Structure formats: C-alpha cells, structure tokens
Amino acid sequence: MLLAILSDTHDNVANTRAALELLRPLKADVYLHAGDLVSPEMLDYFAGLPLHFVFGNNEVEHAAIRAKAKAAAVGGAGGVGMQCHETLADVELAGVRLAMLHGDDGGL
C-alpha cells in the first residue's frame, strides 16, 4: 500500500496543487493530511481522493470542515471519500494500525 502524506498546507493553494500534482502519478492508495488544512475550501483540492485528515492548531471552522468532509464521503466518486478524525487518527490500513496527529497537543 502506498501512502501520500501531507501536512501544514495552510490554505496555500499553489503549494497544495503542486504537491498533489507530484503525488497523483504515483497513484497512492490513501492520502493522509496531518493537520492545518485551515479552511474547508482546501478539501476541494482533495476531491476524489481517499483522504484521512486530522485537525491542526490553525483550523477554526471545525464544524464546516467536518460537514464538507462528510458530504464528500457520502457523495464521493466511486465511494472515494474523506474521513475527518478530529485531532487524533487511529486507522488500520492494509492490516497495519497507525496513528496520526498534528503534534501541537503535548497531551496526545
């Protein structure tokens, strides 16, 4: 299984597009975003990709981001969707359990 890992895109559309253009030809099975997407609109750039993400310390619109991810998961092309894991992701991929967090919360 090939994972694409991103973090701290901070609403930077140009850099996010550039990163995704570099990653798309690799055909990753799953995209992981370790926080600081910042705005709900940033999820648009991950449309159609199997995305798991967590919140970082710069997202303030949690409800809007959750709602957008949920809508994408329900209406995603071919069942592909987005999964918001709040501040800590605990997922199993290809039989391997992994955790993902942004790292700004020392308690986690």
PDB file of N, CA and C in Angstrom:
ATOM      1  N   MET A   1       0.848  -1.172   0.000  1.00  0.00           N
ATOM      2  CA  MET A   1       0.000   0.000   0.000  1.00  0.00           C
ATOM      3  C   MET A   1       0.894   1.236   0.000  1.00  0.00           C
ATOM      4  N   LEU A   2       0.565   2.173  -0.863  1.00  0.00           N
ATOM      5  CA  LEU A   2       1.324   3.423  -0.966  1.00  0.00           C
ATOM      6  C   LEU A   2       0.535   4.553  -0.313  1.00  0.00           C
ATOM      7  N   LEU A   3       1.162   5.241   0.638  1.00  0.00           N
ATOM      8  CA  LEU A   3       0.549   6.361   1.341  1.00  0.00           C
ATOM      9  C   LEU A   3       1.180   7.665   0.865  1.00  0.00           C
ATOM     10  N   ALA A   4       0.341   8.676   0.693  1.00  0.00           N
ATOM     11  CA  ALA A   4       0.815  10.035   0.413  1.00  0.00           C
ATOM     12  C   ALA A   4       0.560  10.844   1.675  1.00  0.00           C
ATOM     13  N   ILE A   5       1.591  11.468   2.209  1.00  0.00           N
ATOM     14  CA  ILE A   5       1.473  12.175   3.476  1.00  0.00           C
ATOM     15  C   ILE A   5       1.756  13.654   3.266  1.00  0.00           C
ATOM     16  N   LEU A   6       0.800  14.477   3.710  1.00  0.00           N
ATOM     17  CA  LEU A   6       0.938  15.925   3.631  1.00  0.00           C
ATOM     18  C   LEU A   6       0.594  16.518   4.990  1.00  0.00           C
ATOM     19  N   SER A   7       1.006  17.752   5.189  1.00  0.00           N
ATOM     20  CA  SER A   7       0.660  18.455   6.413  1.00  0.00           C
ATOM     21  C   SER A   7       0.901  19.938   6.196  1.00  0.00           C
ATOM     22  N   ASP A   8       0.257  20.750   7.029  1.00  0.00           N
ATOM     23  CA  ASP A   8       0.523  22.186   7.086  1.00  0.00           C
ATOM     24  C   ASP A   8       0.391  22.884   5.730  1.00  0.00           C
ATOM     25  N   THR A   9      -0.684  22.594   5.033  1.00  0.00           N
ATOM     26  CA  THR A   9      -0.897  23.260   3.749  1.00  0.00           C
ATOM     27  C   THR A   9      -1.395  24.691   3.927  1.00  0.00           C
ATOM     28  N   HIS A  10      -1.959  25.013   5.079  1.00  0.00           N
ATOM     29  CA  HIS A  10      -2.268  26.390   5.488  1.00  0.00           C
ATOM     30  C   HIS A  10      -2.931  27.248   4.411  1.00  0.00           C
ATOM     31  N   ASP A  11      -3.927  26.714   3.742  1.00  0.00           N
ATOM     32  CA  ASP A  11      -4.649  27.479   2.709  1.00  0.00           C
ATOM     33  C   ASP A  11      -3.767  27.917   1.542  1.00  0.00           C
ATOM     34  N   ASN A  12      -2.605  27.344   1.406  1.00  0.00           N
ATOM     35  CA  ASN A  12      -1.715  27.714   0.313  1.00  0.00           C
ATOM     36  C   ASN A  12      -2.094  26.871  -0.908  1.00  0.00           C
ATOM     37  N   VAL A  13      -2.942  27.454  -1.733  1.00  0.00           N
ATOM     38  CA  VAL A  13      -3.485  26.737  -2.893  1.00  0.00           C
ATOM     39  C   VAL A  13      -2.385  26.342  -3.869  1.00  0.00           C
ATOM     40  N   ALA A  14      -1.483  27.245  -4.184  1.00  0.00           N
ATOM     41  CA  ALA A  14      -0.425  26.948  -5.168  1.00  0.00           C
ATOM     42  C   ALA A  14       0.441  25.779  -4.712  1.00  0.00           C
ATOM     43  N   ASN A  15       0.859  25.787  -3.465  1.00  0.00           N
ATOM     44  CA  ASN A  15       1.711  24.705  -2.973  1.00  0.00           C
ATOM     45  C   ASN A  15       0.946  23.394  -2.851  1.00  0.00           C
ATOM     46  N   THR A  16      -0.319  23.463  -2.454  1.00  0.00           N
ATOM     47  CA  THR A  16      -1.127  22.248  -2.352  1.00  0.00           C
ATOM     48  C   THR A  16      -1.335  21.629  -3.722  1.00  0.00           C
ATOM     49  N   ARG A  17      -1.666  22.446  -4.686  1.00  0.00           N
ATOM     50  CA  ARG A  17      -1.831  21.933  -6.062  1.00  0.00           C
ATOM     51  C   ARG A  17      -0.530  21.308  -6.563  1.00  0.00           C
ATOM     52  N   ALA A  18       0.583  21.990  -6.328  1.00  0.00           N
ATOM     53  CA  ALA A  18       1.883  21.478  -6.783  1.00  0.00           C
ATOM     54  C   ALA A  18       2.200  20.137  -6.121  1.00  0.00           C
ATOM     55  N   ALA A  19       1.954  20.030  -4.824  1.00  0.00           N
ATOM     56  CA  ALA A  19       2.216  18.772  -4.120  1.00  0.00           C
ATOM     57  C   ALA A  19       1.343  17.651  -4.668  1.00  0.00           C
ATOM     58  N   LEU A  20       0.062  17.943  -4.869  1.00  0.00           N
ATOM     59  CA  LEU A  20      -0.844  16.918  -5.383  1.00  0.00           C
ATOM     60  C   LEU A  20      -0.496  16.518  -6.811  1.00  0.00           C
ATOM     61  N   GLU A  21      -0.041  17.456  -7.607  1.00  0.00           N
ATOM     62  CA  GLU A  21       0.378  17.119  -8.978  1.00  0.00           C
ATOM     63  C   GLU A  21       1.587  16.189  -8.960  1.00  0.00           C
ATOM     64  N   LEU A  22       2.492  16.387  -8.013  1.00  0.00           N
ATOM     65  CA  LEU A  22       3.642  15.492  -7.886  1.00  0.00           C
ATOM     66  C   LEU A  22       3.223  14.108  -7.400  1.00  0.00           C
ATOM     67  N   LEU A  23       2.207  14.064  -6.544  1.00  0.00           N
ATOM     68  CA  LEU A  23       1.779  12.797  -5.957  1.00  0.00           C
ATOM     69  C   LEU A  23       0.836  11.984  -6.846  1.00  0.00           C
ATOM     70  N   ARG A  24      -0.005  12.649  -7.623  1.00  0.00           N
ATOM     71  CA  ARG A  24      -1.037  11.921  -8.400  1.00  0.00           C
ATOM     72  C   ARG A  24      -0.485  10.812  -9.291  1.00  0.00           C
ATOM     73  N   PRO A  25       0.624  11.040 -10.021  1.00  0.00           N
ATOM     74  CA  PRO A  25       1.117   9.950 -10.882  1.00  0.00           C
ATOM     75  C   PRO A  25       1.541   8.699 -10.110  1.00  0.00           C
ATOM     76  N   LEU A  26       1.812   8.851  -8.831  1.00  0.00           N
ATOM     77  CA  LEU A  26       2.217   7.708  -8.014  1.00  0.00           C
ATOM     78  C   LEU A  26       1.034   6.830  -7.628  1.00  0.00           C
ATOM     79  N   LYS A  27      -0.189   7.365  -7.804  1.00  0.00           N
ATOM     80  CA  LYS A  27      -1.418   6.625  -7.529  1.00  0.00           C
ATOM     81  C   LYS A  27      -1.441   6.042  -6.118  1.00  0.00           C
ATOM     82  N   ALA A  28      -1.257   6.907  -5.154  1.00  0.00           N
ATOM     83  CA  ALA A  28      -1.292   6.478  -3.750  1.00  0.00           C
ATOM     84  C   ALA A  28      -2.646   5.865  -3.427  1.00  0.00           C
ATOM     85  N   ASP A  29      -2.630   4.877  -2.581  1.00  0.00           N
ATOM     86  CA  ASP A  29      -3.866   4.220  -2.156  1.00  0.00           C
ATOM     87  C   ASP A  29      -4.634   5.079  -1.170  1.00  0.00           C
ATOM     88  N   VAL A  30      -3.914   5.830  -0.356  1.00  0.00           N
ATOM     89  CA  VAL A  30      -4.516   6.666   0.674  1.00  0.00           C
ATOM     90  C   VAL A  30      -3.698   7.938   0.809  1.00  0.00           C
ATOM     91  N   TYR A  31      -4.404   9.043   1.027  1.00  0.00           N
ATOM     92  CA  TYR A  31      -3.772  10.333   1.313  1.00  0.00           C
ATOM     93  C   TYR A  31      -4.013  10.639   2.781  1.00  0.00           C
ATOM     94  N   LEU A  32      -2.953  11.009   3.486  1.00  0.00           N
ATOM     95  CA  LEU A  32      -3.036  11.384   4.892  1.00  0.00           C
ATOM     96  C   LEU A  32      -2.637  12.845   5.005  1.00  0.00           C
ATOM     97  N   HIS A  33      -3.454  13.627   5.689  1.00  0.00           N
ATOM     98  CA  HIS A  33      -3.110  15.038   5.924  1.00  0.00           C
ATOM     99  C   HIS A  33      -3.070  15.237   7.431  1.00  0.00           C
ATOM    100  N   ALA A  34      -1.887  15.599   7.930  1.00  0.00           N
ATOM    101  CA  ALA A  34      -1.654  15.670   9.376  1.00  0.00           C
ATOM    102  C   ALA A  34      -1.919  17.056   9.964  1.00  0.00           C
ATOM    103  N   GLY A  35      -2.932  17.721   9.468  1.00  0.00           N
ATOM    104  CA  GLY A  35      -3.394  18.950  10.093  1.00  0.00           C
ATOM    105  C   GLY A  35      -2.956  20.239   9.443  1.00  0.00           C
ATOM    106  N   ASP A  36      -3.714  21.268   9.761  1.00  0.00           N
ATOM    107  CA  ASP A  36      -3.544  22.622   9.246  1.00  0.00           C
ATOM    108  C   ASP A  36      -3.880  22.748   7.763  1.00  0.00           C
ATOM    109  N   LEU A  37      -4.991  22.116   7.381  1.00  0.00           N
ATOM    110  CA  LEU A  37      -5.608  22.453   6.098  1.00  0.00           C
ATOM    111  C   LEU A  37      -6.030  23.918   6.160  1.00  0.00           C
ATOM    112  N   VAL A  38      -6.618  24.299   7.252  1.00  0.00           N
ATOM    113  CA  VAL A  38      -7.115  25.595   7.701  1.00  0.00           C
ATOM    114  C   VAL A  38      -8.565  25.813   7.292  1.00  0.00           C
ATOM    115  N   SER A  39      -8.887  26.038   6.033  1.00  0.00           N
ATOM    116  CA  SER A  39     -10.273  26.330   5.654  1.00  0.00           C
ATOM    117  C   SER A  39     -10.943  25.117   5.005  1.00  0.00           C
ATOM    118  N   PRO A  40     -12.267  25.065   5.084  1.00  0.00           N
ATOM    119  CA  PRO A  40     -12.993  23.959   4.447  1.00  0.00           C
ATOM    120  C   PRO A  40     -12.737  23.876   2.941  1.00  0.00           C
ATOM    121  N   GLU A  41     -12.506  25.000   2.305  1.00  0.00           N
ATOM    122  CA  GLU A  41     -12.293  25.017   0.851  1.00  0.00           C
ATOM    123  C   GLU A  41     -11.067  24.224   0.425  1.00  0.00           C
ATOM    124  N   MET A  42     -10.122  24.041   1.327  1.00  0.00           N
ATOM    125  CA  MET A  42      -8.925  23.275   0.963  1.00  0.00           C
ATOM    126  C   MET A  42      -9.255  21.823   0.656  1.00  0.00           C
ATOM    127  N   LEU A  43     -10.369  21.325   1.201  1.00  0.00           N
ATOM    128  CA  LEU A  43     -10.766  19.951   0.895  1.00  0.00           C
ATOM    129  C   LEU A  43     -11.111  19.775  -0.583  1.00  0.00           C
ATOM    130  N   ASP A  44     -11.471  20.863  -1.267  1.00  0.00           N
ATOM    131  CA  ASP A  44     -11.801  20.777  -2.691  1.00  0.00           C
ATOM    132  C   ASP A  44     -10.642  20.212  -3.506  1.00  0.00           C
ATOM    133  N   TYR A  45      -9.423  20.494  -3.087  1.00  0.00           N
ATOM    134  CA  TYR A  45      -8.249  20.046  -3.840  1.00  0.00           C
ATOM    135  C   TYR A  45      -7.986  18.555  -3.660  1.00  0.00           C
ATOM    136  N   PHE A  46      -8.638  17.952  -2.667  1.00  0.00           N
ATOM    137  CA  PHE A  46      -8.502  16.522  -2.414  1.00  0.00           C
ATOM    138  C   PHE A  46      -9.724  15.741  -2.905  1.00  0.00           C
ATOM    139  N   ALA A  47     -10.601  16.414  -3.629  1.00  0.00           N
ATOM    140  CA  ALA A  47     -11.825  15.774  -4.124  1.00  0.00           C
ATOM    141  C   ALA A  47     -11.480  14.540  -4.950  1.00  0.00           C
ATOM    142  N   GLY A  48     -12.200  13.469  -4.686  1.00  0.00           N
ATOM    143  CA  GLY A  48     -11.992  12.224  -5.427  1.00  0.00           C
ATOM    144  C   GLY A  48     -10.830  11.388  -4.925  1.00  0.00           C
ATOM    145  N   LEU A  49     -10.136  11.869  -3.909  1.00  0.00           N
ATOM    146  CA  LEU A  49      -9.009  11.123  -3.354  1.00  0.00           C
ATOM    147  C   LEU A  49      -9.412  10.508  -2.014  1.00  0.00           C
ATOM    148  N   PRO A  50      -8.902   9.333  -1.702  1.00  0.00           N
ATOM    149  CA  PRO A  50      -9.181   8.723  -0.402  1.00  0.00           C
ATOM    150  C   PRO A  50      -8.351   9.435   0.672  1.00  0.00           C
ATOM    151  N   LEU A  51      -8.975  10.345   1.387  1.00  0.00           N
ATOM    152  CA  LEU A  51      -8.267  11.222   2.315  1.00  0.00           C
ATOM    153  C   LEU A  51      -8.679  10.974   3.761  1.00  0.00           C
ATOM    154  N   HIS A  52      -7.690  10.824   4.613  1.00  0.00           N
ATOM    155  CA  HIS A  52      -7.865  10.819   6.058  1.00  0.00           C
ATOM    156  C   HIS A  52      -7.145  12.059   6.559  1.00  0.00           C
ATOM    157  N   PHE A  53      -7.801  12.813   7.450  1.00  0.00           N
ATOM    158  CA  PHE A  53      -7.120  14.006   7.965  1.00  0.00           C
ATOM    159  C   PHE A  53      -7.484  14.259   9.415  1.00  0.00           C
ATOM    160  N   VAL A  54      -6.602  15.024  10.057  1.00  0.00           N
ATOM    161  CA  VAL A  54      -6.824  15.460  11.431  1.00  0.00           C
ATOM    162  C   VAL A  54      -6.759  16.985  11.459  1.00  0.00           C
ATOM    163  N   PHE A  55      -7.300  17.544  12.527  1.00  0.00           N
ATOM    164  CA  PHE A  55      -7.213  18.980  12.722  1.00  0.00           C
ATOM    165  C   PHE A  55      -5.849  19.345  13.300  1.00  0.00           C
ATOM    166  N   GLY A  56      -5.345  20.489  12.865  1.00  0.00           N
ATOM    167  CA  GLY A  56      -4.134  21.047  13.450  1.00  0.00           C
ATOM    168  C   GLY A  56      -4.499  22.188  14.371  1.00  0.00           C
ATOM    169  N   ASN A  57      -3.552  23.041  14.659  1.00  0.00           N
ATOM    170  CA  ASN A  57      -3.793  24.151  15.574  1.00  0.00           C
ATOM    171  C   ASN A  57      -4.280  25.415  14.866  1.00  0.00           C
ATOM    172  N   ASN A  58      -4.477  25.364  13.550  1.00  0.00           N
ATOM    173  CA  ASN A  58      -4.925  26.550  12.822  1.00  0.00           C
ATOM    174  C   ASN A  58      -6.314  26.432  12.220  1.00  0.00           C
ATOM    175  N   GLU A  59      -6.967  25.290  12.338  1.00  0.00           N
ATOM    176  CA  GLU A  59      -8.347  25.189  11.886  1.00  0.00           C
ATOM    177  C   GLU A  59      -9.253  25.794  12.947  1.00  0.00           C
ATOM    178  N   VAL A  60     -10.117  26.688  12.536  1.00  0.00           N
ATOM    179  CA  VAL A  60     -11.093  27.255  13.474  1.00  0.00           C
ATOM    180  C   VAL A  60     -12.516  26.896  13.062  1.00  0.00           C
ATOM    181  N   GLU A  61     -12.703  26.484  11.828  1.00  0.00           N
ATOM    182  CA  GLU A  61     -14.030  26.152  11.312  1.00  0.00           C
ATOM    183  C   GLU A  61     -14.260  24.638  11.350  1.00  0.00           C
ATOM    184  N   HIS A  62     -14.088  24.034  12.505  1.00  0.00           N
ATOM    185  CA  HIS A  62     -14.199  22.579  12.629  1.00  0.00           C
ATOM    186  C   HIS A  62     -15.516  22.049  12.087  1.00  0.00           C
ATOM    187  N   ALA A  63     -16.623  22.682  12.459  1.00  0.00           N
ATOM    188  CA  ALA A  63     -17.934  22.187  12.023  1.00  0.00           C
ATOM    189  C   ALA A  63     -18.060  22.229  10.503  1.00  0.00           C
ATOM    190  N   ALA A  64     -17.609  23.294   9.883  1.00  0.00           N
ATOM    191  CA  ALA A  64     -17.699  23.424   8.422  1.00  0.00           C
ATOM    192  C   ALA A  64     -16.794  22.415   7.723  1.00  0.00           C
ATOM    193  N   ILE A  65     -15.623  22.182   8.279  1.00  0.00           N
ATOM    194  CA  ILE A  65     -14.699  21.199   7.692  1.00  0.00           C
ATOM    195  C   ILE A  65     -15.279  19.794   7.833  1.00  0.00           C
ATOM    196  N   ARG A  66     -15.814  19.472   9.008  1.00  0.00           N
ATOM    197  CA  ARG A  66     -16.456  18.162   9.209  1.00  0.00           C
ATOM    198  C   ARG A  66     -17.586  17.953   8.214  1.00  0.00           C
ATOM    199  N   ALA A  67     -18.427  18.967   8.065  1.00  0.00           N
ATOM    200  CA  ALA A  67     -19.585  18.865   7.173  1.00  0.00           C
ATOM    201  C   ALA A  67     -19.148  18.661   5.728  1.00  0.00           C
ATOM    202  N   LYS A  68     -18.142  19.388   5.307  1.00  0.00           N
ATOM    203  CA  LYS A  68     -17.664  19.260   3.922  1.00  0.00           C
ATOM    204  C   LYS A  68     -17.077  17.867   3.690  1.00  0.00           C
ATOM    205  N   ALA A  69     -16.319  17.362   4.650  1.00  0.00           N
ATOM    206  CA  ALA A  69     -15.743  16.025   4.522  1.00  0.00           C
ATOM    207  C   ALA A  69     -16.836  14.965   4.496  1.00  0.00           C
ATOM    208  N   LYS A  70     -17.840  15.132   5.342  1.00  0.00           N
ATOM    209  CA  LYS A  70     -18.942  14.166   5.387  1.00  0.00           C
ATOM    210  C   LYS A  70     -19.704  14.158   4.067  1.00  0.00           C
ATOM    211  N   ALA A  71     -19.952  15.333   3.501  1.00  0.00           N
ATOM    212  CA  ALA A  71     -20.651  15.419   2.208  1.00  0.00           C
ATOM    213  C   ALA A  71     -19.831  14.757   1.117  1.00  0.00           C
ATOM    214  N   ALA A  72     -18.523  14.921   1.159  1.00  0.00           N
ATOM    215  CA  ALA A  72     -17.661  14.300   0.151  1.00  0.00           C
ATOM    216  C   ALA A  72     -17.654  12.786   0.321  1.00  0.00           C
ATOM    217  N   ALA A  73     -17.691  12.321   1.561  1.00  0.00           N
ATOM    218  CA  ALA A  73     -17.684  10.874   1.807  1.00  0.00           C
ATOM    219  C   ALA A  73     -18.966  10.232   1.312  1.00  0.00           C
ATOM    220  N   VAL A  74     -20.086  10.919   1.474  1.00  0.00           N
ATOM    221  CA  VAL A  74     -21.377  10.386   1.030  1.00  0.00           C
ATOM    222  C   VAL A  74     -21.478  10.444  -0.482  1.00  0.00           C
ATOM    223  N   GLY A  75     -21.063  11.562  -1.067  1.00  0.00           N
ATOM    224  CA  GLY A  75     -21.233  11.753  -2.498  1.00  0.00           C
ATOM    225  C   GLY A  75     -19.977  11.561  -3.304  1.00  0.00           C
ATOM    226  N   GLY A  76     -18.940  11.011  -2.672  1.00  0.00           N
ATOM    227  CA  GLY A  76     -17.664  10.879  -3.368  1.00  0.00           C
ATOM    228  C   GLY A  76     -17.748   9.965  -4.570  1.00  0.00           C
ATOM    229  N   ALA A  77     -16.962  10.257  -5.577  1.00  0.00           N
ATOM    230  CA  ALA A  77     -16.932   9.462  -6.807  1.00  0.00           C
ATOM    231  C   ALA A  77     -16.461   8.044  -6.502  1.00  0.00           C
ATOM    232  N   GLY A  78     -17.239   7.083  -6.904  1.00  0.00           N
ATOM    233  CA  GLY A  78     -16.854   5.684  -6.744  1.00  0.00           C
ATOM    234  C   GLY A  78     -16.661   5.261  -5.299  1.00  0.00           C
ATOM    235  N   GLY A  79     -17.322   5.921  -4.380  1.00  0.00           N
ATOM    236  CA  GLY A  79     -17.190   5.562  -2.977  1.00  0.00           C
ATOM    237  C   GLY A  79     -15.965   6.158  -2.314  1.00  0.00           C
ATOM    238  N   VAL A  80     -15.175   6.899  -3.060  1.00  0.00           N
ATOM    239  CA  VAL A  80     -13.988   7.532  -2.500  1.00  0.00           C
ATOM    240  C   VAL A  80     -14.440   8.723  -1.685  1.00  0.00           C
ATOM    241  N   GLY A  81     -13.892   8.872  -0.514  1.00  0.00           N
ATOM    242  CA  GLY A  81     -14.324   9.981   0.306  1.00  0.00           C
ATOM    243  C   GLY A  81     -13.263  10.469   1.249  1.00  0.00           C
ATOM    244  N   MET A  82     -13.692  11.305   2.158  1.00  0.00           N
ATOM    245  CA  MET A  82     -12.806  11.943   3.116  1.00  0.00           C
ATOM    246  C   MET A  82     -13.242  11.565   4.520  1.00  0.00           C
ATOM    247  N   GLN A  83     -12.270  11.326   5.358  1.00  0.00           N
ATOM    248  CA  GLN A  83     -12.569  10.982   6.743  1.00  0.00           C
ATOM    249  C   GLN A  83     -11.852  11.937   7.678  1.00  0.00           C
ATOM    250  N   CYS A  84     -12.643  12.677   8.440  1.00  0.00           N
ATOM    251  CA  CYS A  84     -12.116  13.582   9.453  1.00  0.00           C
ATOM    252  C   CYS A  84     -11.971  12.799  10.753  1.00  0.00           C
ATOM    253  N   HIS A  85     -10.789  12.804  11.305  1.00  0.00           N
ATOM    254  CA  HIS A  85     -10.517  12.060  12.535  1.00  0.00           C
ATOM    255  C   HIS A  85     -10.330  12.983  13.735  1.00  0.00           C
ATOM    256  N   GLU A  86     -10.811  14.208  13.617  1.00  0.00           N
ATOM    257  CA  GLU A  86     -10.673  15.184  14.704  1.00  0.00           C
ATOM    258  C   GLU A  86      -9.200  15.470  14.970  1.00  0.00           C
ATOM    259  N   THR A  87      -8.717  15.281  16.200  1.00  0.00           N
ATOM    260  CA  THR A  87      -7.317  15.614  16.500  1.00  0.00           C
ATOM    261  C   THR A  87      -6.386  14.411  16.492  1.00  0.00           C
ATOM    262  N   LEU A  88      -6.941  13.208  16.504  1.00  0.00           N
ATOM    263  CA  LEU A  88      -6.115  12.006  16.527  1.00  0.00           C
ATOM    264  C   LEU A  88      -6.747  10.932  15.649  1.00  0.00           C
ATOM    265  N   ALA A  89      -6.017  10.500  14.646  1.00  0.00           N
ATOM    266  CA  ALA A  89      -6.479   9.404  13.797  1.00  0.00           C
ATOM    267  C   ALA A  89      -5.880   8.102  14.308  1.00  0.00           C
ATOM    268  N   ASP A  90      -6.701   7.088  14.379  1.00  0.00           N
ATOM    269  CA  ASP A  90      -6.283   5.737  14.723  1.00  0.00           C
ATOM    270  C   ASP A  90      -6.919   4.855  13.659  1.00  0.00           C
ATOM    271  N   VAL A  91      -6.158   4.529  12.633  1.00  0.00           N
ATOM    272  CA  VAL A  91      -6.705   3.801  11.488  1.00  0.00           C
ATOM    273  C   VAL A  91      -5.888   2.554  11.201  1.00  0.00           C
ATOM    274  N   GLU A  92      -6.560   1.604  10.580  1.00  0.00           N
ATOM    275  CA  GLU A  92      -5.878   0.405  10.114  1.00  0.00           C
ATOM    276  C   GLU A  92      -5.918   0.412   8.598  1.00  0.00           C
ATOM    277  N   LEU A  93      -4.751   0.326   7.997  1.00  0.00           N
ATOM    278  CA  LEU A  93      -4.621   0.323   6.539  1.00  0.00           C
ATOM    279  C   LEU A  93      -3.787  -0.884   6.129  1.00  0.00           C
ATOM    280  N   ALA A  94      -4.356  -1.725   5.300  1.00  0.00           N
ATOM    281  CA  ALA A  94      -3.680  -2.935   4.824  1.00  0.00           C
ATOM    282  C   ALA A  94      -3.129  -3.762   5.986  1.00  0.00           C
ATOM    283  N   GLY A  95      -3.924  -3.853   7.062  1.00  0.00           N
ATOM    284  CA  GLY A  95      -3.533  -4.663   8.197  1.00  0.00           C
ATOM    285  C   GLY A  95      -2.532  -4.014   9.146  1.00  0.00           C
ATOM    286  N   VAL A  96      -2.195  -2.762   8.895  1.00  0.00           N
ATOM    287  CA  VAL A  96      -1.248  -2.051   9.759  1.00  0.00           C
ATOM    288  C   VAL A  96      -1.985  -0.923  10.460  1.00  0.00           C
ATOM    289  N   ARG A  97      -1.868  -0.891  11.771  1.00  0.00           N
ATOM    290  CA  ARG A  97      -2.513   0.160  12.548  1.00  0.00           C
ATOM    291  C   ARG A  97      -1.558   1.340  12.673  1.00  0.00           C
ATOM    292  N   LEU A  98      -2.089   2.528  12.416  1.00  0.00           N
ATOM    293  CA  LEU A  98      -1.256   3.716  12.549  1.00  0.00           C
ATOM    294  C   LEU A  98      -2.028   4.837  13.210  1.00  0.00           C
ATOM    295  N   ALA A  99      -1.272   5.731  13.803  1.00  0.00           N
ATOM    296  CA  ALA A  99      -1.842   6.915  14.436  1.00  0.00           C
ATOM    297  C   ALA A  99      -1.301   8.130  13.710  1.00  0.00           C
ATOM    298  N   MET A 100      -2.126   9.179  13.665  1.00  0.00           N
ATOM    299  CA  MET A 100      -1.700  10.430  13.045  1.00  0.00           C
ATOM    300  C   MET A 100      -2.267  11.575  13.861  1.00  0.00           C
ATOM    301  N   LEU A 101      -1.417  12.552  14.144  1.00  0.00           N
ATOM    302  CA  LEU A 101      -1.842  13.764  14.816  1.00  0.00           C
ATOM    303  C   LEU A 101      -0.976  14.912  14.327  1.00  0.00           C
ATOM    304  N   HIS A 102      -1.407  16.113  14.620  1.00  0.00           N
ATOM    305  CA  HIS A 102      -0.668  17.287  14.157  1.00  0.00           C
ATOM    306  C   HIS A 102       0.591  17.514  14.976  1.00  0.00           C
ATOM    307  N   GLY A 103       0.527  17.257  16.261  1.00  0.00           N
ATOM    308  CA  GLY A 103       1.707  17.383  17.091  1.00  0.00           C
ATOM    309  C   GLY A 103       1.726  18.622  17.966  1.00  0.00           C
ATOM    310  N   ASP A 104       0.679  19.425  17.923  1.00  0.00           N
ATOM    311  CA  ASP A 104       0.658  20.638  18.722  1.00  0.00           C
ATOM    312  C   ASP A 104       0.115  20.393  20.127  1.00  0.00           C
ATOM    313  N   ASP A 105      -0.449  19.228  20.383  1.00  0.00           N
ATOM    314  CA  ASP A 105      -1.014  18.906  21.690  1.00  0.00           C
ATOM    315  C   ASP A 105      -0.109  17.900  22.379  1.00  0.00           C
ATOM    316  N   GLY A 106       0.692  18.382  23.318  1.00  0.00           N
ATOM    317  CA  GLY A 106       1.640  17.509  24.010  1.00  0.00           C
ATOM    318  C   GLY A 106       0.983  16.386  24.771  1.00  0.00           C
ATOM    319  N   GLY A 107      -0.289  16.556  25.141  1.00  0.00           N
ATOM    320  CA  GLY A 107      -1.013  15.503  25.844  1.00  0.00           C
ATOM    321  C   GLY A 107      -1.312  14.284  24.987  1.00  0.00           C
ATOM    322  N   LEU A 108      -1.447  14.490  23.698  1.00  0.00           N
ATOM    323  CA  LEU A 108      -1.726  13.365  22.803  1.00  0.00           C
ATOM    324  C   LEU A 108      -0.459  12.587  22.519  1.00  0.00           C
TER     325      LEU A 108
END
